[in-house]
PDB file of N, CA and C in Angstrom:
ATOM      1  N   MET A   1       0.851  -1.163  -0.027  1.00  0.00           N
ATOM      2  CA  MET A   1       0.017   0.051   0.063  1.00  0.00           C
ATOM      3  C   MET A   1       0.901   1.421   0.051  1.00  0.00           C
ATOM      4  N   ALA A   2       0.639   2.100  -0.789  1.00  0.00           N
ATOM      5  CA  ALA A   2       1.374   3.412  -1.000  1.00  0.00           C
ATOM      6  C   ALA A   2       1.026   4.311   0.040  1.00  0.00           C
ATOM      7  N   LYS A   3       1.851   5.079   0.465  1.00  0.00           N
ATOM      8  CA  LYS A   3       1.551   6.128   1.496  1.00  0.00           C
ATOM      9  C   LYS A   3       0.706   7.171   0.847  1.00  0.00           C
ATOM     10  N   GLN A   4      -0.352   7.511   1.693  1.00  0.00           N
ATOM     11  CA  GLN A   4      -1.308   8.443   1.120  1.00  0.00           C
ATOM     12  C   GLN A   4      -1.462   9.740   2.108  1.00  0.00           C
ATOM     13  N   GLU A   5      -1.755  10.768   1.732  1.00  0.00           N
ATOM     14  CA  GLU A   5      -2.080  12.014   2.427  1.00  0.00           C
ATOM     15  C   GLU A   5      -3.187  11.791   3.240  1.00  0.00           C
ATOM     16  N   ALA A   6      -3.180  12.167   4.477  1.00  0.00           N
ATOM     17  CA  ALA A   6      -4.342  12.022   5.455  1.00  0.00           C
ATOM     18  C   ALA A   6      -5.328  13.194   5.160  1.00  0.00           C
ATOM     19  N   THR A   7      -6.052  12.894   4.139  1.00  0.00           N
ATOM     20  CA  THR A   7      -7.116  13.749   3.656  1.00  0.00           C
ATOM     21  C   THR A   7      -8.482  13.329   4.504  1.00  0.00           C
ATOM     22  N   ALA A   8      -9.385  14.220   4.506  1.00  0.00           N
ATOM     23  CA  ALA A   8     -10.656  13.814   5.098  1.00  0.00           C
ATOM     24  C   ALA A   8     -11.378  12.577   4.348  1.00  0.00           C
ATOM     25  N   ALA A   9     -11.177  12.634   3.099  1.00  0.00           N
ATOM     26  CA  ALA A   9     -11.720  11.449   2.341  1.00  0.00           C
ATOM     27  C   ALA A   9     -11.059  10.227   2.556  1.00  0.00           C
ATOM     28  N   VAL A  10      -9.696  10.182   2.815  1.00  0.00           N
ATOM     29  CA  VAL A  10      -8.960   8.997   2.965  1.00  0.00           C
ATOM     30  C   VAL A  10      -9.191   8.658   4.425  1.00  0.00           C
ATOM     31  N   LEU A  11      -9.260   9.384   5.399  1.00  0.00           N
ATOM     32  CA  LEU A  11      -9.670   8.981   6.819  1.00  0.00           C
ATOM     33  C   LEU A  11     -11.183   8.442   6.942  1.00  0.00           C
ATOM     34  N   ARG A  12     -11.998   9.133   6.211  1.00  0.00           N
ATOM     35  CA  ARG A  12     -13.277   8.706   6.236  1.00  0.00           C
ATOM     36  C   ARG A  12     -13.533   7.178   5.576  1.00  0.00           C
ATOM     37  N   GLU A  13     -12.876   6.946   4.512  1.00  0.00           N
ATOM     38  CA  GLU A  13     -12.834   5.654   4.061  1.00  0.00           C
ATOM     39  C   GLU A  13     -12.254   4.606   4.921  1.00  0.00           C
ATOM     40  N   ALA A  14     -11.164   4.953   5.733  1.00  0.00           N
ATOM     41  CA  ALA A  14     -10.483   4.020   6.556  1.00  0.00           C
ATOM     42  C   ALA A  14     -11.468   3.760   7.583  1.00  0.00           C
ATOM     43  N   VAL A  15     -12.160   4.668   8.297  1.00  0.00           N
ATOM     44  CA  VAL A  15     -12.901   4.519   9.379  1.00  0.00           C
ATOM     45  C   VAL A  15     -14.159   3.637   8.966  1.00  0.00           C
ATOM     46  N   LEU A  16     -14.681   4.177   7.787  1.00  0.00           N
ATOM     47  CA  LEU A  16     -15.931   3.212   7.414  1.00  0.00           C
ATOM     48  C   LEU A  16     -15.458   1.606   7.133  1.00  0.00           C
ATOM     49  N   SER A  17     -14.241   1.396   6.690  1.00  0.00           N
ATOM     50  CA  SER A  17     -14.026   0.127   6.467  1.00  0.00           C
ATOM     51  C   SER A  17     -13.816  -0.658   7.855  1.00  0.00           C
ATOM     52  N   LEU A  18     -13.425  -0.004   8.788  1.00  0.00           N
ATOM     53  CA  LEU A  18     -13.229  -0.530  10.085  1.00  0.00           C
ATOM     54  C   LEU A  18     -14.592  -0.736  10.793  1.00  0.00           C
ATOM     55  N   ILE A  19     -15.617   0.237  10.653  1.00  0.00           N
ATOM     56  CA  ILE A  19     -16.863   0.148  11.155  1.00  0.00           C
ATOM     57  C   ILE A  19     -17.537  -1.234  10.697  1.00  0.00           C
ATOM     58  N   GLY A  20     -17.366  -1.547   9.412  1.00  0.00           N
ATOM     59  CA  GLY A  20     -18.040  -2.684   8.765  1.00  0.00           C
ATOM     60  C   GLY A  20     -17.351  -3.955   9.107  1.00  0.00           C
ATOM     61  N   ASP A  21     -16.169  -3.939   9.686  1.00  0.00           N
ATOM     62  CA  ASP A  21     -15.412  -5.336  10.081  1.00  0.00           C
ATOM     63  C   ASP A  21     -15.839  -5.896  11.359  1.00  0.00           C
ATOM     64  N   PRO A  22     -16.583  -7.152  11.215  1.00  0.00           N
ATOM     65  CA  PRO A  22     -17.006  -7.860  12.409  1.00  0.00           C
ATOM     66  C   PRO A  22     -15.776  -8.144  13.357  1.00  0.00           C
ATOM     67  N   GLY A  23     -14.735  -8.355  12.852  1.00  0.00           N
ATOM     68  CA  GLY A  23     -13.515  -8.686  13.779  1.00  0.00           C
ATOM     69  C   GLY A  23     -13.132  -7.541  14.449  1.00  0.00           C
ATOM     70  N   VAL A  24     -13.065  -6.355  13.880  1.00  0.00           N
ATOM     71  CA  VAL A  24     -12.794  -5.134  14.649  1.00  0.00           C
ATOM     72  C   VAL A  24     -13.764  -4.819  15.775  1.00  0.00           C
ATOM     73  N   ALA A  25     -15.087  -5.016  15.405  1.00  0.00           N
ATOM     74  CA  ALA A  25     -16.074  -4.738  16.427  1.00  0.00           C
ATOM     75  C   ALA A  25     -16.011  -5.830  17.637  1.00  0.00           C
ATOM     76  N   ARG A  26     -15.774  -6.995  17.409  1.00  0.00           N
ATOM     77  CA  ARG A  26     -15.576  -8.132  18.407  1.00  0.00           C
ATOM     78  C   ARG A  26     -14.347  -7.749  19.180  1.00  0.00           C
ATOM     79  N   ARG A  27     -13.235  -7.367  18.594  1.00  0.00           N
ATOM     80  CA  ARG A  27     -12.169  -7.004  19.447  1.00  0.00           C
ATOM     81  C   ARG A  27     -12.310  -5.767  20.236  1.00  0.00           C
ATOM     82  N   SER A  28     -12.969  -4.748  19.824  1.00  0.00           N
ATOM     83  CA  SER A  28     -13.450  -3.537  20.459  1.00  0.00           C
ATOM     84  C   SER A  28     -14.117  -3.754  21.761  1.00  0.00           C
ATOM     85  N   ARG A  29     -15.104  -4.783  21.583  1.00  0.00           N
ATOM     86  CA  ARG A  29     -15.923  -5.144  22.646  1.00  0.00           C
ATOM     87  C   ARG A  29     -15.056  -5.804  23.670  1.00  0.00           C
ATOM     88  N   GLU A  30     -14.221  -6.616  23.333  1.00  0.00           N
ATOM     89  CA  GLU A  30     -13.288  -7.504  24.285  1.00  0.00           C
ATOM     90  C   GLU A  30     -12.367  -6.436  24.897  1.00  0.00           C
ATOM     91  N   LEU A  31     -11.870  -5.456  24.148  1.00  0.00           N
ATOM     92  CA  LEU A  31     -10.855  -4.413  24.820  1.00  0.00           C
ATOM     93  C   LEU A  31     -11.698  -3.541  25.908  1.00  0.00           C
ATOM     94  N   ARG A  32     -12.992  -3.136  25.333  1.00  0.00           N
ATOM     95  CA  ARG A  32     -13.821  -2.318  26.281  1.00  0.00           C
ATOM     96  C   ARG A  32     -13.959  -3.059  27.793  1.00  0.00           C
ATOM     97  N   GLU A  33     -14.340  -4.462  27.669  1.00  0.00           N
ATOM     98  CA  GLU A  33     -14.531  -5.239  28.841  1.00  0.00           C
ATOM     99  C   GLU A  33     -13.276  -5.396  29.602  1.00  0.00           C
ATOM    100  N   GLU A  34     -12.194  -5.505  29.027  1.00  0.00           N
ATOM    101  CA  GLU A  34     -10.946  -5.649  29.722  1.00  0.00           C
ATOM    102  C   GLU A  34     -10.664  -4.233  30.438  1.00  0.00           C
ATOM    103  N   LEU A  35     -10.851  -3.209  29.767  1.00  0.00           N
ATOM    104  CA  LEU A  35     -10.517  -1.902  30.429  1.00  0.00           C
ATOM    105  C   LEU A  35     -11.514  -1.678  31.672  1.00  0.00           C
ATOM    106  N   ARG A  36     -12.678  -2.132  31.414  1.00  0.00           N
ATOM    107  CA  ARG A  36     -13.689  -1.880  32.598  1.00  0.00           C
ATOM    108  C   ARG A  36     -13.376  -2.710  33.820  1.00  0.00           C
ATOM    109  N   ALA A  37     -12.885  -4.114  33.452  1.00  0.00           N
ATOM    110  CA  ALA A  37     -12.417  -4.941  34.512  1.00  0.00           C
ATOM    111  C   ALA A  37     -11.357  -4.466  35.260  1.00  0.00           C
ATOM    112  N   ALA A  38     -10.364  -3.697  34.574  1.00  0.00           N
ATOM    113  CA  ALA A  38      -9.156  -3.190  35.212  1.00  0.00           C
ATOM    114  C   ALA A  38      -9.425  -1.918  35.892  1.00  0.00           C
ATOM    115  N   GLY A  39     -10.583  -1.431  35.899  1.00  0.00           N
ATOM    116  CA  GLY A  39     -10.852  -0.219  36.739  1.00  0.00           C
ATOM    117  C   GLY A  39     -11.260   0.983  35.868  1.00  0.00           C
ATOM    118  N   GLY A  40     -11.295   0.864  34.612  1.00  0.00           N
ATOM    119  CA  GLY A  40     -11.860   1.906  33.712  1.00  0.00           C
ATOM    120  C   GLY A  40     -10.986   3.142  33.942  1.00  0.00           C
ATOM    121  N   THR A  41     -11.632   4.325  33.367  1.00  0.00           N
ATOM    122  CA  THR A  41     -10.894   5.543  33.303  1.00  0.00           C
ATOM    123  C   THR A  41     -10.349   5.973  34.745  1.00  0.00           C
ATOM    124  N   LEU A  42     -11.227   5.810  35.882  1.00  0.00           N
ATOM    125  CA  LEU A  42     -10.820   6.160  37.135  1.00  0.00           C
ATOM    126  C   LEU A  42      -9.572   5.762  37.629  1.00  0.00           C
ATOM    127  N   ARG A  43      -9.391   4.225  37.346  1.00  0.00           N
ATOM    128  CA  ARG A  43      -8.096   3.643  37.592  1.00  0.00           C
ATOM    129  C   ARG A  43      -6.911   4.174  36.890  1.00  0.00           C
ATOM    130  N   ALA A  44      -7.275   4.565  35.574  1.00  0.00           N
ATOM    131  CA  ALA A  44      -6.150   5.009  34.655  1.00  0.00           C
ATOM    132  C   ALA A  44      -5.682   6.327  35.216  1.00  0.00           C
ATOM    133  N   VAL A  45      -6.583   7.282  35.607  1.00  0.00           N
ATOM    134  CA  VAL A  45      -6.244   8.591  36.267  1.00  0.00           C
ATOM    135  C   VAL A  45      -5.283   8.254  37.456  1.00  0.00           C
ATOM    136  N   SER A  46      -5.855   7.397  38.405  1.00  0.00           N
ATOM    137  CA  SER A  46      -5.149   7.117  39.612  1.00  0.00           C
ATOM    138  C   SER A  46      -3.642   6.681  39.419  1.00  0.00           C
ATOM    139  N   VAL A  47      -3.474   5.791  38.336  1.00  0.00           N
ATOM    140  CA  VAL A  47      -2.246   5.260  37.921  1.00  0.00           C
ATOM    141  C   VAL A  47      -1.309   6.429  37.457  1.00  0.00           C
ATOM    142  N   ILE A  48      -1.843   7.165  36.690  1.00  0.00           N
ATOM    143  CA  ILE A  48      -1.180   8.458  36.021  1.00  0.00           C
ATOM    144  C   ILE A  48      -0.703   9.352  37.068  1.00  0.00           C
ATOM    145  N   GLU A  49      -1.600   9.648  37.933  1.00  0.00           N
ATOM    146  CA  GLU A  49      -1.366  10.685  38.884  1.00  0.00           C
ATOM    147  C   GLU A  49      -0.313  10.073  39.964  1.00  0.00           C
ATOM    148  N   SER A  50      -0.264   8.795  40.298  1.00  0.00           N
ATOM    149  CA  SER A  50       0.647   8.188  41.245  1.00  0.00           C
ATOM    150  C   SER A  50       2.083   8.254  40.414  1.00  0.00           C
ATOM    151  N   TYR A  51       2.024   7.973  39.112  1.00  0.00           N
ATOM    152  CA  TYR A  51       3.321   7.999  38.421  1.00  0.00           C
ATOM    153  C   TYR A  51       3.966   9.414  38.369  1.00  0.00           C
ATOM    154  N   LEU A  52       2.954  10.334  38.252  1.00  0.00           N
ATOM    155  CA  LEU A  52       3.502  11.923  38.080  1.00  0.00           C
ATOM    156  C   LEU A  52       3.879  12.515  39.295  1.00  0.00           C
ATOM    157  N   SER A  53       3.355  11.930  40.524  1.00  0.00           N
ATOM    158  CA  SER A  53       3.791  12.526  41.824  1.00  0.00           C
ATOM    159  C   SER A  53       5.042  11.902  42.475  1.00  0.00           C
TER     160      SER A  53
END
């Protein structure tokens, strides 16, 4: 695949191709559940704040 300029049309096409991919949808659900099980955004904030302090 040749390098393409990141135009709105190119990005739109890429996003639309991902939206229609059942494998991407499945993996997105799995990742969402993994993140929730790990504490979600509140846990992420806590870890980042601990690291920065």
